[in-house]
């Protein structure tokens, strides 16, 4: 997938066409109350990110959005306003051939559709298609945990990317939400959700180790809702990811935060990226990426080493 180009004009037209649209008009599967068949993971062998004539140096970026409760506002803002910021920030800072997969995450113990997965895409209409195909189930179990580890499972075992397989270059995986993670996937749930004929229990630590072989893994904690500065939630993510936990105080800056993270790991000075944002966005992103921000004052020939130490690349 990912054989088409990003177009600002096409995205502007899409945004203008939705000025008066409701959330359910945009995310049309909300009206039917079920996920699209094309988004369901059962039986999927691979989602592929491939090089092409127009994208000879593709980079796979998987973005899994929490679609429980209040987190549904993030897919909406991406569609209405921020998809352009995500793509343009990446491209203008040297990530010329991003291929983005959007997915949805819920609670595998209580939701009907705890995992939804799109395709890796680069073009405007295709990115919009898979983003708006997500069903905003709005569930969750009320136990301060969601099933972000399903994203790790899918990326580790069911994606295939030229950036890694041809060039040894890891892709990027972001989970986004405001709660902690379940620590285990039971075999009976794996059989039901993934369509596996048989399975064994898997832990969060097993899956994280597995997915980190081919992806730089980050979690963006939306630090605005019930679990703002929650020591249990943040403690879990810090124990699992260390400095790869990104605490974001304003969800409106989600697109810029994702793009800036990718660009910095690819060697761009954080301050150069922040200077392309308005003051409010720059302050929010700079605060969220403060550990990366420290590398901006290091000489260029030393910066790569510092980033590697920070993120254990």
Protein backbone atom coordinates (compact mmCIF):
# COMPACT_ATOMS: atom_id res chain seq x y z
CA UNK A 1 0.00 0.00 0.00
CA UNK A 2 1.02 3.65 0.02
CA UNK A 3 1.31 4.24 -3.72
CA UNK A 4 -0.30 7.69 -3.86
CA UNK A 5 0.85 11.20 -2.87
CA UNK A 6 -0.23 13.65 -0.22
CA UNK A 7 -2.05 16.73 -1.53
CA UNK A 8 -2.79 19.85 0.51
CA UNK A 9 -5.42 20.94 -1.99
CA UNK A 10 -7.26 17.64 -1.72
CA UNK A 11 -7.20 17.82 2.07
CA UNK A 12 -8.48 21.42 2.05
CA UNK A 13 -11.39 20.29 -0.10
CA UNK A 14 -12.16 17.44 2.27
CA UNK A 15 -12.06 19.76 5.28
CA UNK A 16 -14.32 22.30 3.60
CA UNK A 17 -16.82 19.61 2.66
CA UNK A 18 -17.24 18.67 6.34
CA UNK A 19 -17.68 22.08 7.89
CA UNK A 20 -21.26 21.32 8.90
CA UNK A 21 -20.92 17.56 9.29
CA UNK A 22 -21.56 15.79 12.58
CA UNK A 23 -19.19 13.22 14.05
CA UNK A 24 -21.47 10.44 12.84
CA UNK A 25 -21.59 11.96 9.37
CA UNK A 26 -17.79 11.72 9.23
CA UNK A 27 -17.34 8.38 11.00
CA UNK A 28 -20.21 6.70 9.20
CA UNK A 29 -19.81 3.33 10.92
CA UNK A 30 -21.05 5.03 14.09
CA UNK A 31 -24.50 5.03 12.52
CA UNK A 32 -24.51 1.28 12.02
CA UNK A 33 -23.02 0.67 15.45
CA UNK A 34 -20.39 -1.74 14.19
CA UNK A 35 -16.87 -1.75 12.83
CA UNK A 36 -16.26 -2.07 9.12
CA UNK A 37 -15.39 -5.57 7.99
CA UNK A 38 -12.25 -4.23 6.29
CA UNK A 39 -11.00 -2.94 9.66
CA UNK A 40 -11.35 -6.20 11.56
CA UNK A 41 -8.10 -8.07 12.32
CA UNK A 42 -9.36 -11.66 12.26
CA UNK A 43 -7.70 -13.53 9.44
CA UNK A 44 -5.44 -10.66 8.35
CA UNK A 45 -1.99 -11.96 7.50
CA UNK A 46 -0.19 -8.65 6.93
CA UNK A 47 -0.68 -4.96 6.44
CA UNK A 48 2.12 -3.90 4.11
CA UNK A 49 4.20 -0.74 3.73
CA UNK A 50 6.06 -0.92 0.43
CA UNK A 51 8.44 1.20 -1.63
CA UNK A 52 7.25 2.40 -5.03
CA UNK A 53 8.38 4.67 -7.85
CA UNK A 54 6.89 7.70 -6.10
CA UNK A 55 7.89 6.52 -2.60
CA UNK A 56 11.31 4.87 -3.00
CA UNK A 57 12.24 5.37 0.67
CA UNK A 58 9.01 4.55 2.50
CA UNK A 59 8.77 4.78 6.28
CA UNK A 60 6.04 2.90 8.13
CA UNK A 61 4.24 4.79 10.91
CA UNK A 62 1.42 3.07 12.81
CA UNK A 63 -0.91 5.30 14.85
CA UNK A 64 -3.38 3.51 17.12
CA UNK A 65 -6.08 5.73 18.61
CA UNK A 66 -8.01 4.97 21.78
CA UNK A 67 -11.67 5.05 20.66
CA UNK A 68 -13.21 4.61 24.12
CA UNK A 69 -15.13 7.33 25.92
CA UNK A 70 -13.82 10.87 25.53
CA UNK A 71 -10.84 9.79 23.42
CA UNK A 72 -13.07 9.79 20.32
CA UNK A 73 -12.37 13.51 19.99
CA UNK A 74 -8.83 12.78 18.80
CA UNK A 75 -9.78 10.91 15.61
CA UNK A 76 -12.27 13.72 14.97
CA UNK A 77 -9.71 16.51 15.25
CA UNK A 78 -7.31 14.59 13.01
CA UNK A 79 -9.98 14.36 10.33
CA UNK A 80 -11.31 17.90 10.65
CA UNK A 81 -8.09 19.83 11.18
CA UNK A 82 -4.84 18.00 11.83
CA UNK A 83 -4.16 15.36 9.19
CA UNK A 84 -2.51 18.07 7.11
CA UNK A 85 -0.33 19.14 10.04
CA UNK A 86 0.80 15.56 10.52
CA UNK A 87 1.78 14.98 6.91
CA UNK A 88 3.19 18.44 6.19
CA UNK A 89 5.34 18.49 9.33
CA UNK A 90 6.82 15.12 8.42
CA UNK A 91 7.47 15.98 4.78
CA UNK A 92 8.82 19.48 5.41
CA UNK A 93 11.34 18.12 7.91
CA UNK A 94 12.84 15.45 5.72
CA UNK A 95 10.53 12.47 6.23
CA UNK A 96 9.58 12.55 2.57
CA UNK A 97 7.77 9.22 2.19
CA UNK A 98 5.71 8.48 5.30
CA UNK A 99 3.19 5.67 5.07
CA UNK A 100 0.70 5.85 7.90
CA UNK A 101 -1.60 3.16 9.22
CA UNK A 102 -4.46 4.34 11.45
CA UNK A 103 -6.04 1.90 13.89
CA UNK A 104 -8.48 1.90 16.76
CA UNK A 105 -7.98 0.47 20.26
CA UNK A 106 -10.61 -0.44 22.85
CA UNK A 107 -10.85 -2.88 25.74
CA UNK A 108 -10.55 -6.55 24.77
CA UNK A 109 -12.43 -7.61 27.92
CA UNK A 110 -15.51 -5.48 27.39
CA UNK A 111 -15.68 -4.05 23.86
CA UNK A 112 -17.02 -5.73 20.78
CA UNK A 113 -14.28 -4.25 18.57
CA UNK A 114 -11.13 -3.81 20.68
CA UNK A 115 -8.85 -3.67 17.63
CA UNK A 116 -9.47 -2.01 14.26
CA UNK A 117 -6.75 -1.72 11.64
CA UNK A 118 -6.47 0.30 8.43
CA UNK A 119 -3.79 0.17 5.75
CA UNK A 120 -0.45 1.94 5.36
CA UNK A 121 -1.12 4.91 3.07
CA UNK A 122 0.52 8.10 1.80
CA UNK A 123 -2.22 9.74 -0.27
CA UNK A 124 -4.80 12.18 1.03
CA UNK A 125 -7.95 10.32 0.10
CA UNK A 126 -6.58 6.98 1.24
CA UNK A 127 -5.44 8.28 4.62
CA UNK A 128 -8.79 9.97 5.11
CA UNK A 129 -10.64 6.81 4.08
CA UNK A 130 -9.04 4.58 6.69
CA UNK A 131 -9.16 7.20 9.40
CA UNK A 132 -12.87 7.80 8.90
CA UNK A 133 -13.56 4.06 8.66
CA UNK A 134 -12.74 3.74 12.36
CA UNK A 135 -15.81 2.98 14.47
CA UNK A 136 -15.78 5.15 17.60
CA UNK A 137 -17.21 2.47 19.86
CA UNK A 138 -17.01 4.67 22.95
CA UNK A 139 -16.79 1.73 25.33
CA UNK A 140 -14.03 0.78 27.72
CA UNK A 141 -14.19 -1.18 30.91
CA UNK A 142 -13.92 1.58 33.51
CA UNK A 143 -10.87 -0.07 35.07
CA UNK A 144 -8.21 2.48 34.02
CA UNK A 145 -6.87 0.00 31.44
CA UNK A 146 -7.32 -0.41 27.70
CA UNK A 147 -5.87 -2.92 25.25
CA UNK A 148 -2.96 -0.99 23.76
CA UNK A 149 -0.98 -4.23 23.71
CA UNK A 150 -3.20 -5.38 20.83
CA UNK A 151 -1.46 -2.73 18.72
CA UNK A 152 1.89 -4.21 19.73
CA UNK A 153 0.69 -7.68 18.79
CA UNK A 154 -0.59 -6.63 15.39
CA UNK A 155 2.43 -4.55 14.47
CA UNK A 156 4.86 -7.26 15.58
CA UNK A 157 3.18 -10.17 13.85
CA UNK A 158 0.95 -8.79 11.13
CA UNK A 159 2.81 -5.94 9.41
CA UNK A 160 5.48 -6.13 6.73
CA UNK A 161 7.52 -3.04 5.85
CA UNK A 162 10.22 -2.38 3.27
CA UNK A 163 11.87 0.20 5.51
CA UNK A 164 12.78 -2.56 7.96
CA UNK A 165 13.05 -5.59 5.70
CA UNK A 166 15.09 -3.88 2.96
CA UNK A 167 17.00 -1.22 4.88
CA UNK A 168 17.03 -2.35 8.49
CA UNK A 169 15.25 0.91 9.43
CA UNK A 170 12.68 0.60 12.17
CA UNK A 171 9.21 1.99 11.69
CA UNK A 172 7.32 3.97 14.33
CA UNK A 173 4.38 2.87 16.44
CA UNK A 174 2.32 5.27 18.54
CA UNK A 175 -0.51 4.31 20.87
CA UNK A 176 -2.59 7.24 22.09
CA UNK A 177 -4.90 7.31 25.08
CA UNK A 178 -5.39 8.30 28.70
CA UNK A 179 -5.28 4.99 30.58
CA UNK A 180 -2.96 2.15 31.46
CA UNK A 181 -2.48 -1.08 29.51
CA UNK A 182 -3.71 -4.57 30.20
CA UNK A 183 -0.81 -6.80 31.18
CA UNK A 184 -2.04 -9.94 29.44
CA UNK A 185 -3.91 -11.22 26.40
CA UNK A 186 -5.62 -14.49 27.18
CA UNK A 187 -5.56 -17.22 24.53
CA UNK A 188 -9.35 -17.39 24.27
CA UNK A 189 -9.43 -13.65 23.49
CA UNK A 190 -6.72 -14.04 20.85
CA UNK A 191 -8.70 -16.79 19.16
CA UNK A 192 -11.82 -14.62 19.13
CA UNK A 193 -10.25 -11.28 18.14
CA UNK A 194 -7.48 -12.42 15.81
CA UNK A 195 -9.07 -15.57 14.44
CA UNK A 196 -6.13 -17.72 15.50
CA UNK A 197 -6.95 -21.43 15.36
CA UNK A 198 -5.02 -21.85 18.60
CA UNK A 199 -3.08 -19.55 20.91
CA UNK A 200 -1.28 -19.16 24.21
CA UNK A 201 -1.51 -16.37 26.75
CA UNK A 202 0.74 -13.41 25.94
CA UNK A 203 1.99 -10.70 28.30
CA UNK A 204 2.53 -7.02 27.65
CA UNK A 205 6.27 -7.41 28.23
CA UNK A 206 6.52 -10.24 25.70
CA UNK A 207 4.69 -8.25 23.05
CA UNK A 208 6.62 -5.05 23.69
CA UNK A 209 9.92 -6.86 23.33
CA UNK A 210 8.69 -8.45 20.12
CA UNK A 211 7.42 -5.26 18.48
CA UNK A 212 10.51 -3.27 19.44
CA UNK A 213 12.55 -5.43 17.10
CA UNK A 214 11.06 -3.62 14.11
CA UNK A 215 9.42 -0.46 15.53
CA UNK A 216 10.31 2.50 17.71
CA UNK A 217 7.43 2.23 20.18
CA UNK A 218 5.91 5.27 21.91
CA UNK A 219 2.81 5.90 23.98
CA UNK A 220 1.24 9.36 24.07
CA UNK A 221 -0.66 9.88 27.31
CA UNK A 222 -3.40 12.49 26.86
CA UNK A 223 -2.99 14.29 30.16
CA UNK A 224 -6.35 16.04 30.35
CA UNK A 225 -9.05 13.65 31.53
CA UNK A 226 -9.71 11.49 34.59
CA UNK A 227 -6.16 10.17 34.70
CA UNK A 228 -4.32 13.45 34.48
CA UNK A 229 -0.97 13.02 36.26
CA UNK A 230 -2.25 9.72 37.62
CA UNK A 231 0.73 8.02 39.33
CA UNK A 232 -0.53 4.50 38.62
CA UNK A 233 -1.16 5.08 34.92
CA UNK A 234 2.00 7.09 34.33
CA UNK A 235 3.99 4.72 36.52
CA UNK A 236 3.00 1.78 34.35
CA UNK A 237 4.02 3.52 31.13
CA UNK A 238 7.30 4.79 32.55
CA UNK A 239 8.19 1.29 33.74
CA UNK A 240 7.41 -0.14 30.30
CA UNK A 241 8.68 2.58 27.97
CA UNK A 242 10.89 4.91 29.97
CA UNK A 243 11.46 8.14 28.01
CA UNK A 244 9.32 6.82 25.17
CA UNK A 245 6.29 7.80 27.23
CA UNK A 246 5.15 11.18 25.91
CA UNK A 247 2.86 13.15 28.23
CA UNK A 248 0.76 15.56 26.18
CA UNK A 249 -1.19 18.27 27.99
CA UNK A 250 -3.30 19.35 24.99
CA UNK A 251 -4.70 16.81 22.55
CA UNK A 252 -4.99 19.52 19.90
CA UNK A 253 -1.22 19.12 19.36
CA UNK A 254 -1.34 15.36 18.74
CA UNK A 255 -0.42 15.52 15.04
CA UNK A 256 2.51 17.85 15.57
CA UNK A 257 3.77 15.73 18.47
CA UNK A 258 3.79 12.54 16.40
CA UNK A 259 5.49 14.22 13.44
CA UNK A 260 8.07 15.98 15.58
CA UNK A 261 9.00 12.75 17.34
CA UNK A 262 9.61 10.96 14.04
CA UNK A 263 11.58 13.87 12.59
CA UNK A 264 13.84 14.25 15.64
CA UNK A 265 14.71 10.56 15.67
CA UNK A 266 15.64 11.06 12.02
CA UNK A 267 18.12 13.75 13.00
CA UNK A 268 16.23 17.04 12.77
CA UNK A 269 16.79 19.60 15.53
CA UNK A 270 13.69 19.89 17.70
CA UNK A 271 13.98 23.67 17.78
CA UNK A 272 13.86 23.77 13.99
CA UNK A 273 10.59 21.86 14.07
CA UNK A 274 9.08 23.93 16.87
CA UNK A 275 9.87 27.14 14.99
CA UNK A 276 7.46 26.03 12.26
CA UNK A 277 4.51 25.92 14.74
CA UNK A 278 2.49 28.70 16.31
CA UNK A 279 3.59 29.68 19.83
CA UNK A 280 0.96 27.69 21.68
CA UNK A 281 1.58 24.49 19.71
CA UNK A 282 5.34 24.93 19.97
CA UNK A 283 5.10 25.26 23.75
CA UNK A 284 2.90 22.18 24.10
CA UNK A 285 5.01 19.99 21.82
CA UNK A 286 8.27 21.26 23.30
CA UNK A 287 7.08 20.40 26.80
CA UNK A 288 5.88 16.94 25.73
CA UNK A 289 9.18 16.18 24.00
CA UNK A 290 11.41 17.76 26.63
CA UNK A 291 13.78 14.81 26.72
CA UNK A 292 14.26 15.04 22.98
CA UNK A 293 14.48 18.79 23.32
CA UNK A 294 17.65 18.48 25.38
CA UNK A 295 19.37 17.01 22.34
CA UNK A 296 18.77 20.20 20.36
CA UNK A 297 21.65 21.97 22.11
CA UNK A 298 24.14 19.17 21.39
CA UNK A 299 26.47 19.55 18.38
CA UNK A 300 25.23 17.72 15.31
CA UNK A 301 28.00 15.13 15.34
CA UNK A 302 27.07 14.17 18.91
CA UNK A 303 23.31 14.38 18.64
CA UNK A 304 22.70 10.98 17.13
CA UNK A 305 24.51 9.32 19.98
CA UNK A 306 22.49 11.23 22.55
CA UNK A 307 19.20 10.35 20.93
CA UNK A 308 20.27 6.72 20.84
CA UNK A 309 21.01 6.80 24.56
CA UNK A 310 17.73 8.49 25.38
CA UNK A 311 15.60 6.09 23.38
CA UNK A 312 17.82 2.99 23.53
CA UNK A 313 17.63 2.72 19.73
